[in-house]
């Protein structure tokens, strides 16, 4: 009896203790740089691309018809390029071999923020079977949105999680995201068959086998024979004629256009059959979600497409289905038939480049305002790029997706003031913050502007 009473008393005490704990509000231990401290530009500048498009002339054409045709032809050529290769690109074999050959501290940190376990790393290396690379040559296509990875694993590799810009979301194994319906050439396979090494016109890397299907010559010819449709927003469901779900398409996805049905388009979606081969299945898509390529390049049209990107979370290399700075621009301009490479430095070289390194930061901005073409000019600094959309109260307005602003505290320690999303700012966001030094301001590091489609 005494034993029962003791258990009851203990239970009552536990309940009281839990209740007492429950009265205390839970306050997560969040580093200061991750707290939502406002950046003045985000509150001050209109976060509305339509506002800027109206002042840029809305329906003013930013290229003529001949240039639009040239852009579209170039897009098609580059889009299909992977189906026409038969061996790895120059230097790729050595690059990926070196990635797998990392040892010790160079392997970085795993998903538990602990150093990569040596045994687990070695199992991944053995599975890659790189000594037999390349082991195949097979054209393929993605059957869902997926990623190219620098190693055959979905697990992350962080450089140094405690340092700014080297922890989450900066998974160093993440090469790039790829949309549904993207051509690939498969050149190697892991021993377990779960991963392929693939080359594409954007990047190379390891792709999950379940996300691709083999594209034989008949499939390729059927696709190439049709015009193209581009999706203009994210999360568009594709269903067959009986309503069965096929896949989801996002902004930047390009599929064969099979017909125009008034308020909708008929597109063909690549689906993996039971033997792992790609077949094309018809799907109907509302014109509010897709358009025949290329769209007219005007401020209004770019703003319409870009509206769905405003405020979207930052995603390094397309991680989690989000976008980083260069991925946002590439997807934004795809419906217009403008092919942009995958990284910021390559995008800066993809059109007529204007060097901005001379003169003061003020002179640099004056030149952007004088010569930049709103909605058709990229502003680039090493590691970052965005779109010039016009002027706001005498300052250049910059549409970009960024992780954060470089900071330095009173002890000289570097950090990040995280924004983590697509915003419109000046070229000096964070200039009012004591923790953001002048030499960290975007304008002060800006190297050039690039016209994406120049007549």
Protein backbone atom coordinates (compact mmCIF):
# COMPACT_ATOMS: atom_id res chain seq x y z
CA UNK A 1 0.00 0.00 0.00
CA UNK A 2 2.84 2.34 0.91
CA UNK A 3 4.47 1.49 -2.42
CA UNK A 4 1.30 2.49 -4.30
CA UNK A 5 1.10 5.76 -2.35
CA UNK A 6 4.72 6.57 -3.22
CA UNK A 7 4.07 5.98 -6.92
CA UNK A 8 0.97 8.20 -6.80
CA UNK A 9 2.86 10.95 -5.00
CA UNK A 10 5.68 10.72 -7.50
CA UNK A 11 3.24 10.98 -10.40
CA UNK A 12 1.56 14.02 -8.83
CA UNK A 13 4.92 15.70 -8.34
CA UNK A 14 5.87 15.02 -11.97
CA UNK A 15 2.60 16.56 -13.16
CA UNK A 16 3.22 19.66 -11.03
CA UNK A 17 6.74 19.98 -12.37
CA UNK A 18 5.56 19.64 -15.97
CA UNK A 19 2.81 22.17 -15.34
CA UNK A 20 5.37 24.52 -13.86
CA UNK A 21 7.57 24.10 -16.92
CA UNK A 22 4.55 24.67 -19.13
CA UNK A 23 4.08 28.16 -17.71
CA UNK A 24 7.46 29.23 -19.08
CA UNK A 25 7.33 30.33 -22.74
CA UNK A 26 9.72 28.45 -25.00
CA UNK A 27 12.30 30.80 -26.52
CA UNK A 28 14.44 29.10 -29.16
CA UNK A 29 18.15 29.72 -29.04
CA UNK A 30 18.51 31.48 -32.39
CA UNK A 31 21.79 33.17 -33.35
CA UNK A 32 21.45 36.93 -33.60
CA UNK A 33 22.19 36.96 -37.33
CA UNK A 34 19.13 34.75 -37.91
CA UNK A 35 16.67 36.93 -36.03
CA UNK A 36 14.22 38.84 -38.25
CA UNK A 37 15.82 42.30 -38.06
CA UNK A 38 14.39 44.47 -40.82
CA UNK A 39 16.53 45.74 -43.68
CA UNK A 40 15.35 49.21 -44.59
CA UNK A 41 15.29 48.62 -48.35
CA UNK A 42 12.87 45.71 -48.07
CA UNK A 43 10.39 47.94 -46.23
CA UNK A 44 11.11 51.05 -48.28
CA UNK A 45 11.25 49.74 -51.88
CA UNK A 46 8.01 48.53 -53.52
CA UNK A 47 8.08 44.73 -53.47
CA UNK A 48 6.03 44.75 -56.65
CA UNK A 49 7.51 44.15 -60.09
CA UNK A 50 4.38 45.53 -61.77
CA UNK A 51 5.09 48.92 -60.16
CA UNK A 52 8.48 49.03 -61.85
CA UNK A 53 7.21 47.58 -65.15
CA UNK A 54 4.66 50.37 -65.47
CA UNK A 55 7.40 52.98 -65.13
CA UNK A 56 9.60 51.09 -67.60
CA UNK A 57 6.98 51.32 -70.32
CA UNK A 58 5.06 48.09 -69.67
CA UNK A 59 4.70 46.86 -73.27
CA UNK A 60 7.87 48.38 -74.69
CA UNK A 61 9.65 45.62 -76.60
CA UNK A 62 13.14 44.98 -75.29
CA UNK A 63 14.23 43.15 -78.47
CA UNK A 64 13.03 43.00 -82.06
CA UNK A 65 11.53 39.98 -83.81
CA UNK A 66 14.77 38.92 -85.47
CA UNK A 67 16.62 38.90 -82.16
CA UNK A 68 13.76 36.95 -80.56
CA UNK A 69 14.09 34.32 -83.30
CA UNK A 70 17.86 34.14 -82.78
CA UNK A 71 17.39 33.71 -79.04
CA UNK A 72 14.81 30.96 -79.55
CA UNK A 73 17.02 29.06 -82.00
CA UNK A 74 19.97 29.26 -79.61
CA UNK A 75 17.77 28.07 -76.75
CA UNK A 76 16.64 24.99 -78.67
CA UNK A 77 20.20 24.14 -79.70
CA UNK A 78 21.53 24.33 -76.15
CA UNK A 79 18.48 22.65 -74.61
CA UNK A 80 18.99 19.49 -76.69
CA UNK A 81 22.81 19.55 -76.60
CA UNK A 82 23.19 16.70 -74.09
CA UNK A 83 21.52 14.24 -76.46
CA UNK A 84 24.28 14.88 -78.99
CA UNK A 85 27.32 14.14 -76.81
CA UNK A 86 29.01 10.78 -76.31
CA UNK A 87 31.78 11.38 -73.77
CA UNK A 88 32.45 13.48 -70.68
CA UNK A 89 33.21 17.16 -71.03
CA UNK A 90 36.82 18.25 -70.74
CA UNK A 91 38.10 17.98 -67.20
CA UNK A 92 34.90 16.52 -65.78
CA UNK A 93 36.32 13.06 -65.07
CA UNK A 94 39.21 14.51 -63.07
CA UNK A 95 36.94 16.94 -61.22
CA UNK A 96 34.53 14.28 -60.00
CA UNK A 97 37.36 11.87 -59.21
CA UNK A 98 38.91 14.55 -57.00
CA UNK A 99 35.57 15.13 -55.27
CA UNK A 100 35.36 11.47 -54.30
CA UNK A 101 39.04 11.39 -53.30
CA UNK A 102 38.62 13.92 -50.48
CA UNK A 103 40.08 12.76 -47.20
CA UNK A 104 40.13 13.81 -43.57
CA UNK A 105 38.97 17.35 -42.85
CA UNK A 106 38.49 18.06 -46.57
CA UNK A 107 35.39 15.86 -46.48
CA UNK A 108 33.65 18.46 -44.35
CA UNK A 109 30.60 17.83 -42.22
CA UNK A 110 27.57 15.59 -42.64
CA UNK A 111 23.88 16.13 -41.90
CA UNK A 112 24.45 15.77 -38.15
CA UNK A 113 27.00 18.62 -38.28
CA UNK A 114 29.72 16.16 -37.37
CA UNK A 115 32.70 15.32 -39.60
CA UNK A 116 31.83 12.91 -42.37
CA UNK A 117 32.35 9.36 -41.12
CA UNK A 118 35.25 7.73 -42.96
CA UNK A 119 33.57 4.35 -43.36
CA UNK A 120 30.40 5.86 -44.76
CA UNK A 121 32.41 8.00 -47.17
CA UNK A 122 34.37 4.98 -48.34
CA UNK A 123 31.18 3.01 -48.99
CA UNK A 124 29.97 5.88 -51.18
CA UNK A 125 33.28 5.90 -53.07
CA UNK A 126 33.20 2.15 -53.67
CA UNK A 127 29.61 2.36 -54.88
CA UNK A 128 30.60 5.07 -57.37
CA UNK A 129 32.87 2.54 -59.14
CA UNK A 130 34.83 5.45 -60.60
CA UNK A 131 37.69 3.24 -61.79
CA UNK A 132 35.34 2.01 -64.53
CA UNK A 133 34.14 5.48 -65.56
CA UNK A 134 32.60 5.98 -68.10
CA UNK A 135 30.66 2.74 -68.25
CA UNK A 136 27.78 3.66 -70.57
CA UNK A 137 26.40 6.24 -72.98
CA UNK A 138 22.63 6.62 -72.96
CA UNK A 139 20.40 9.59 -73.73
CA UNK A 140 17.83 10.27 -71.03
CA UNK A 141 15.34 12.83 -69.74
CA UNK A 142 14.22 13.84 -66.27
CA UNK A 143 10.72 12.65 -65.37
CA UNK A 144 10.40 14.93 -62.35
CA UNK A 145 12.23 17.88 -60.85
CA UNK A 146 15.51 16.58 -59.49
CA UNK A 147 19.08 17.52 -58.60
CA UNK A 148 22.55 16.98 -59.98
CA UNK A 149 24.91 16.14 -57.13
CA UNK A 150 28.70 16.16 -56.86
CA UNK A 151 28.60 12.70 -55.27
CA UNK A 152 26.15 9.79 -55.54
CA UNK A 153 24.24 10.58 -52.36
CA UNK A 154 21.36 12.73 -51.17
CA UNK A 155 23.25 13.44 -47.95
CA UNK A 156 24.82 16.89 -47.54
CA UNK A 157 28.42 18.01 -47.21
CA UNK A 158 29.01 21.28 -45.38
CA UNK A 159 32.41 22.94 -45.32
CA UNK A 160 32.33 24.28 -41.77
CA UNK A 161 28.86 24.76 -40.26
CA UNK A 162 30.05 27.21 -37.60
CA UNK A 163 31.33 29.67 -40.21
CA UNK A 164 29.10 32.11 -42.13
CA UNK A 165 28.15 30.88 -45.58
CA UNK A 166 29.53 27.39 -44.95
CA UNK A 167 26.69 25.69 -43.06
CA UNK A 168 23.06 25.21 -44.05
CA UNK A 169 21.84 25.72 -46.75
CA UNK A 170 25.23 25.54 -48.46
CA UNK A 171 25.40 21.82 -49.20
CA UNK A 172 28.59 21.48 -51.22
CA UNK A 173 27.33 18.27 -52.84
CA UNK A 174 24.45 20.19 -54.43
CA UNK A 175 25.40 21.05 -58.01
CA UNK A 176 22.08 22.28 -59.38
CA UNK A 177 18.40 21.50 -59.60
CA UNK A 178 16.99 20.31 -62.91
CA UNK A 179 13.38 20.68 -64.03
CA UNK A 180 11.07 18.02 -65.35
CA UNK A 181 11.78 17.22 -68.99
CA UNK A 182 15.46 18.15 -69.12
CA UNK A 183 17.69 16.26 -71.60
CA UNK A 184 20.66 14.32 -70.20
CA UNK A 185 23.39 11.98 -71.32
CA UNK A 186 24.04 9.17 -68.84
CA UNK A 187 27.70 8.11 -68.81
CA UNK A 188 28.10 6.01 -65.68
CA UNK A 189 26.13 4.12 -63.04
CA UNK A 190 26.80 3.23 -59.42
CA UNK A 191 27.20 -0.42 -58.50
CA UNK A 192 23.80 -0.49 -56.78
CA UNK A 193 22.12 1.17 -59.78
CA UNK A 194 20.62 3.96 -57.67
CA UNK A 195 22.59 6.82 -59.26
CA UNK A 196 23.72 7.85 -62.72
CA UNK A 197 26.51 10.24 -63.58
CA UNK A 198 24.97 12.55 -66.17
CA UNK A 199 26.02 15.46 -68.35
CA UNK A 200 23.66 18.21 -69.44
CA UNK A 201 23.84 21.59 -71.12
CA UNK A 202 23.70 23.24 -67.68
CA UNK A 203 25.99 21.14 -65.50
CA UNK A 204 27.21 17.63 -64.78
CA UNK A 205 26.73 15.43 -61.77
CA UNK A 206 25.02 12.47 -60.17
CA UNK A 207 21.26 12.11 -60.58
CA UNK A 208 18.93 9.66 -58.84
CA UNK A 209 18.06 6.80 -61.21
CA UNK A 210 14.39 6.96 -60.24
CA UNK A 211 14.20 10.55 -61.55
CA UNK A 212 15.23 9.80 -65.14
CA UNK A 213 14.13 7.65 -68.06
CA UNK A 214 16.00 6.52 -71.16
CA UNK A 215 15.25 8.59 -74.27
CA UNK A 216 15.68 6.55 -77.45
CA UNK A 217 15.96 8.07 -80.91
CA UNK A 218 12.22 7.80 -81.58
CA UNK A 219 11.46 9.69 -78.37
CA UNK A 220 14.05 12.37 -79.17
CA UNK A 221 12.77 12.89 -82.70
CA UNK A 222 9.17 13.18 -81.52
CA UNK A 223 10.18 15.86 -79.00
CA UNK A 224 12.44 17.81 -81.38
CA UNK A 225 9.75 17.91 -84.07
CA UNK A 226 7.40 20.02 -81.93
CA UNK A 227 7.47 23.64 -80.77
CA UNK A 228 8.13 24.27 -77.09
CA UNK A 229 5.96 25.50 -74.25
CA UNK A 230 7.40 27.01 -71.08
CA UNK A 231 5.77 27.04 -67.67
CA UNK A 232 5.36 30.46 -66.11
CA UNK A 233 4.70 29.55 -62.48
CA UNK A 234 5.52 26.84 -59.95
CA UNK A 235 3.60 23.79 -58.80
CA UNK A 236 1.50 23.15 -61.91
CA UNK A 237 -0.02 19.64 -61.77
CA UNK A 238 0.10 17.60 -64.97
CA UNK A 239 -2.62 14.99 -65.40
CA UNK A 240 -3.39 12.62 -68.25
CA UNK A 241 -6.75 12.52 -70.04
CA UNK A 242 -8.26 10.31 -67.34
CA UNK A 243 -7.08 12.53 -64.50
CA UNK A 244 -4.11 10.48 -63.36
CA UNK A 245 -1.31 12.58 -61.92
CA UNK A 246 1.85 12.52 -64.04
CA UNK A 247 4.18 15.12 -62.54
CA UNK A 248 4.39 18.71 -61.38
CA UNK A 249 5.94 21.45 -63.51
CA UNK A 250 7.59 24.62 -62.26
CA UNK A 251 8.64 27.91 -63.74
CA UNK A 252 11.54 27.10 -66.05
CA UNK A 253 10.13 23.74 -67.18
CA UNK A 254 10.02 23.32 -70.97
CA UNK A 255 7.91 20.63 -72.67
CA UNK A 256 6.81 19.85 -76.25
CA UNK A 257 3.74 21.82 -77.31
CA UNK A 258 1.22 19.53 -78.98
CA UNK A 259 -1.68 21.93 -79.48
CA UNK A 260 -3.60 25.09 -78.57
CA UNK A 261 -7.08 24.54 -77.14
CA UNK A 262 -8.19 28.12 -76.63
CA UNK A 263 -7.84 28.74 -72.92
CA UNK A 264 -5.37 25.88 -72.52
CA UNK A 265 -2.33 24.28 -74.10
CA UNK A 266 -1.79 20.60 -74.80
CA UNK A 267 1.74 19.57 -73.75
CA UNK A 268 3.55 16.24 -73.77
CA UNK A 269 5.00 15.03 -70.48
CA UNK A 270 7.85 12.50 -70.23
CA UNK A 271 6.85 9.50 -68.13
CA UNK A 272 8.98 6.49 -67.19
CA UNK A 273 7.52 3.17 -68.30
CA UNK A 274 7.98 -0.21 -66.62
CA UNK A 275 11.24 -0.81 -68.48
CA UNK A 276 12.72 2.55 -67.54
CA UNK A 277 12.13 4.13 -70.94
CA UNK A 278 10.61 7.54 -71.53
CA UNK A 279 7.23 7.89 -73.21
CA UNK A 280 5.32 11.09 -73.93
CA UNK A 281 1.88 11.46 -72.36
CA UNK A 282 -0.52 14.28 -73.18
CA UNK A 283 -1.57 16.78 -70.51
CA UNK A 284 -3.76 19.88 -70.61
CA UNK A 285 -2.43 23.08 -69.01
CA UNK A 286 -4.23 26.36 -68.50
CA UNK A 287 -2.63 29.31 -70.30
CA UNK A 288 -2.28 31.10 -66.99
CA UNK A 289 0.43 28.55 -66.15
CA UNK A 290 2.25 28.01 -69.46
CA UNK A 291 2.86 29.71 -72.79
CA UNK A 292 4.23 28.97 -76.23
CA UNK A 293 7.87 30.00 -76.46
CA UNK A 294 9.13 32.60 -76.80
CA UNK A 295 7.05 35.18 -74.97
CA UNK A 296 7.52 38.81 -76.08
CA UNK A 297 10.28 40.34 -73.95
CA UNK A 298 8.60 43.36 -72.36
CA UNK A 299 8.71 44.80 -68.84
CA UNK A 300 5.09 43.79 -68.24
CA UNK A 301 5.66 40.17 -69.30
CA UNK A 302 8.85 39.81 -67.25
CA UNK A 303 7.05 41.28 -64.24
CA UNK A 304 4.11 38.90 -64.73
CA UNK A 305 6.40 35.88 -64.72
CA UNK A 306 8.58 37.24 -61.92
CA UNK A 307 5.66 37.97 -59.60
CA UNK A 308 5.52 34.33 -58.52
CA UNK A 309 9.19 34.50 -57.54
CA UNK A 310 8.85 37.52 -55.27
CA UNK A 311 9.55 36.54 -51.68
CA UNK A 312 10.43 32.94 -52.60
CA UNK A 313 12.88 31.37 -50.12
CA UNK A 314 16.53 31.14 -51.06
CA UNK A 315 17.66 27.69 -52.14
CA UNK A 316 21.36 27.06 -52.72
CA UNK A 317 21.74 25.15 -55.98
CA UNK A 318 17.97 24.69 -56.12
CA UNK A 319 17.93 22.90 -52.76
CA UNK A 320 14.42 22.08 -51.47
CA UNK A 321 12.89 23.16 -54.77
CA UNK A 322 13.81 26.80 -54.10
CA UNK A 323 16.22 28.99 -56.06
CA UNK A 324 19.45 30.84 -55.57
CA UNK A 325 20.32 34.07 -57.40
CA UNK A 326 21.33 32.60 -60.76
CA UNK A 327 18.64 29.89 -60.79
CA UNK A 328 15.97 32.55 -60.30
CA UNK A 329 17.20 34.51 -63.30
CA UNK A 330 17.56 31.45 -65.49
CA UNK A 331 14.01 30.31 -64.79
CA UNK A 332 12.65 33.85 -65.11
CA UNK A 333 14.01 34.27 -68.65
CA UNK A 334 13.31 30.75 -69.93
CA UNK A 335 9.74 31.51 -71.14
CA UNK A 336 11.24 34.31 -73.26
CA UNK A 337 13.56 31.89 -75.02
CA UNK A 338 16.64 33.48 -73.44
CA UNK A 339 19.18 30.83 -72.48
CA UNK A 340 21.13 31.75 -69.37
CA UNK A 341 23.88 29.51 -67.96
CA UNK A 342 23.59 28.17 -64.45
CA UNK A 343 26.04 30.23 -62.37
CA UNK A 344 26.35 33.96 -61.86
CA UNK A 345 29.78 34.45 -63.46
CA UNK A 346 28.72 32.60 -66.62
CA UNK A 347 25.47 34.58 -66.77
CA UNK A 348 27.45 37.81 -66.59
CA UNK A 349 29.33 36.70 -69.72
CA UNK A 350 26.20 35.60 -71.59
CA UNK A 351 25.33 38.96 -73.16
CA UNK A 352 26.85 42.36 -73.88
CA UNK A 353 28.95 43.09 -70.80
CA UNK A 354 29.65 46.58 -69.46
CA UNK A 355 32.57 46.83 -67.03
CA UNK A 356 31.68 48.76 -63.88
CA UNK A 357 34.93 48.38 -61.97
CA UNK A 358 36.25 51.88 -62.68
CA UNK A 359 35.23 54.95 -60.70
CA UNK A 360 33.47 55.41 -57.41
CA UNK A 361 30.42 53.43 -56.27
CA UNK A 362 28.31 56.54 -56.90
CA UNK A 363 29.61 56.77 -60.47
CA UNK A 364 28.91 53.06 -60.89
CA UNK A 365 25.28 53.51 -59.91
CA UNK A 366 24.94 56.59 -62.14
CA UNK A 367 26.03 54.50 -65.10
CA UNK A 368 23.54 51.77 -64.25
CA UNK A 369 20.75 54.35 -64.12
CA UNK A 370 21.89 55.98 -67.37
CA UNK A 371 22.56 52.89 -69.48
CA UNK A 372 20.71 50.00 -67.87
CA UNK A 373 17.57 48.71 -69.56
CA UNK A 374 15.02 47.85 -66.87
CA UNK A 375 13.99 44.17 -66.96
CA UNK A 376 16.74 43.26 -69.44
CA UNK A 377 19.94 44.08 -67.55
CA UNK A 378 21.75 41.85 -65.08
CA UNK A 379 23.90 43.35 -62.32
CA UNK A 380 26.78 41.12 -61.28
CA UNK A 381 29.31 40.92 -58.49
CA UNK A 382 31.45 37.86 -57.70
CA UNK A 383 29.13 35.21 -56.27
CA UNK A 384 25.89 37.10 -56.82
CA UNK A 385 23.67 38.39 -59.63
CA UNK A 386 20.25 39.99 -60.03
CA UNK A 387 18.02 42.00 -62.35
CA UNK A 388 17.93 45.77 -62.72
CA UNK A 389 14.25 46.78 -62.80
CA UNK A 390 14.47 50.57 -62.86
CA UNK A 391 14.79 53.53 -60.55
CA UNK A 392 13.25 54.27 -57.18
CA UNK A 393 13.79 57.67 -55.63
CA UNK A 394 17.05 58.16 -57.46
CA UNK A 395 18.45 54.70 -56.73
CA UNK A 396 18.85 51.64 -58.95
CA UNK A 397 16.29 48.97 -58.04
CA UNK A 398 17.65 45.43 -57.87
CA UNK A 399 15.50 42.26 -57.98
CA UNK A 400 17.53 39.37 -56.57
CA UNK A 401 17.37 36.28 -54.42
CA UNK A 402 20.04 36.33 -51.73
CA UNK A 403 20.90 34.44 -48.59
CA UNK A 404 22.30 37.32 -46.58
CA UNK A 405 24.45 40.41 -46.20
CA UNK A 406 28.02 40.15 -45.01
CA UNK A 407 28.47 41.52 -41.50
CA UNK A 408 31.32 42.11 -39.08
CA UNK A 409 30.89 42.56 -35.33
CA UNK A 410 32.87 44.75 -32.93
CA UNK A 411 35.41 41.96 -32.51
CA UNK A 412 35.95 41.65 -36.25
CA UNK A 413 34.10 38.37 -36.60
CA UNK A 414 32.37 37.85 -39.93
CA UNK A 415 28.70 36.88 -40.05
CA UNK A 416 25.56 37.10 -42.16
CA UNK A 417 22.44 39.20 -41.81
CA UNK A 418 20.04 36.71 -43.33
CA UNK A 419 17.26 37.74 -45.69
CA UNK A 420 16.94 34.33 -47.35
CA UNK A 421 14.48 35.25 -50.08
CA UNK A 422 13.83 37.12 -53.34
CA UNK A 423 13.43 40.85 -52.78
CA UNK A 424 13.70 44.23 -54.47
CA UNK A 425 16.30 46.47 -52.89
CA UNK A 426 18.74 49.20 -53.77
CA UNK A 427 22.27 48.17 -54.70
CA UNK A 428 23.23 49.00 -51.10
CA UNK A 429 20.87 46.89 -48.95
CA UNK A 430 21.83 46.99 -45.29
CA UNK A 431 23.83 50.22 -45.56
CA UNK A 432 22.00 51.52 -42.47
CA UNK A 433 23.12 48.57 -40.35
CA UNK A 434 26.23 49.18 -38.23
CA UNK A 435 27.24 45.55 -38.71
CA UNK A 436 27.43 45.83 -42.52
CA UNK A 437 30.78 47.44 -43.48
CA UNK A 438 31.09 49.63 -46.56
CA UNK A 439 33.32 47.16 -48.35
CA UNK A 440 30.61 44.50 -48.01
CA UNK A 441 27.90 46.54 -49.75
CA UNK A 442 26.78 44.98 -53.02
CA UNK A 443 27.37 48.13 -55.08
CA UNK A 444 30.92 48.45 -53.79
CA UNK A 445 31.64 44.89 -54.99
CA UNK A 446 29.74 45.15 -58.28
CA UNK A 447 31.82 44.33 -61.36
CA UNK A 448 29.50 44.74 -64.32
CA UNK A 449 26.12 44.79 -65.99
CA UNK A 450 25.00 42.49 -68.79
CA UNK A 451 22.25 42.97 -71.36
CA UNK A 452 20.50 39.61 -71.64
CA UNK A 453 19.08 40.12 -75.14
CA UNK A 454 20.67 43.02 -76.94
CA UNK A 455 19.59 44.22 -80.40
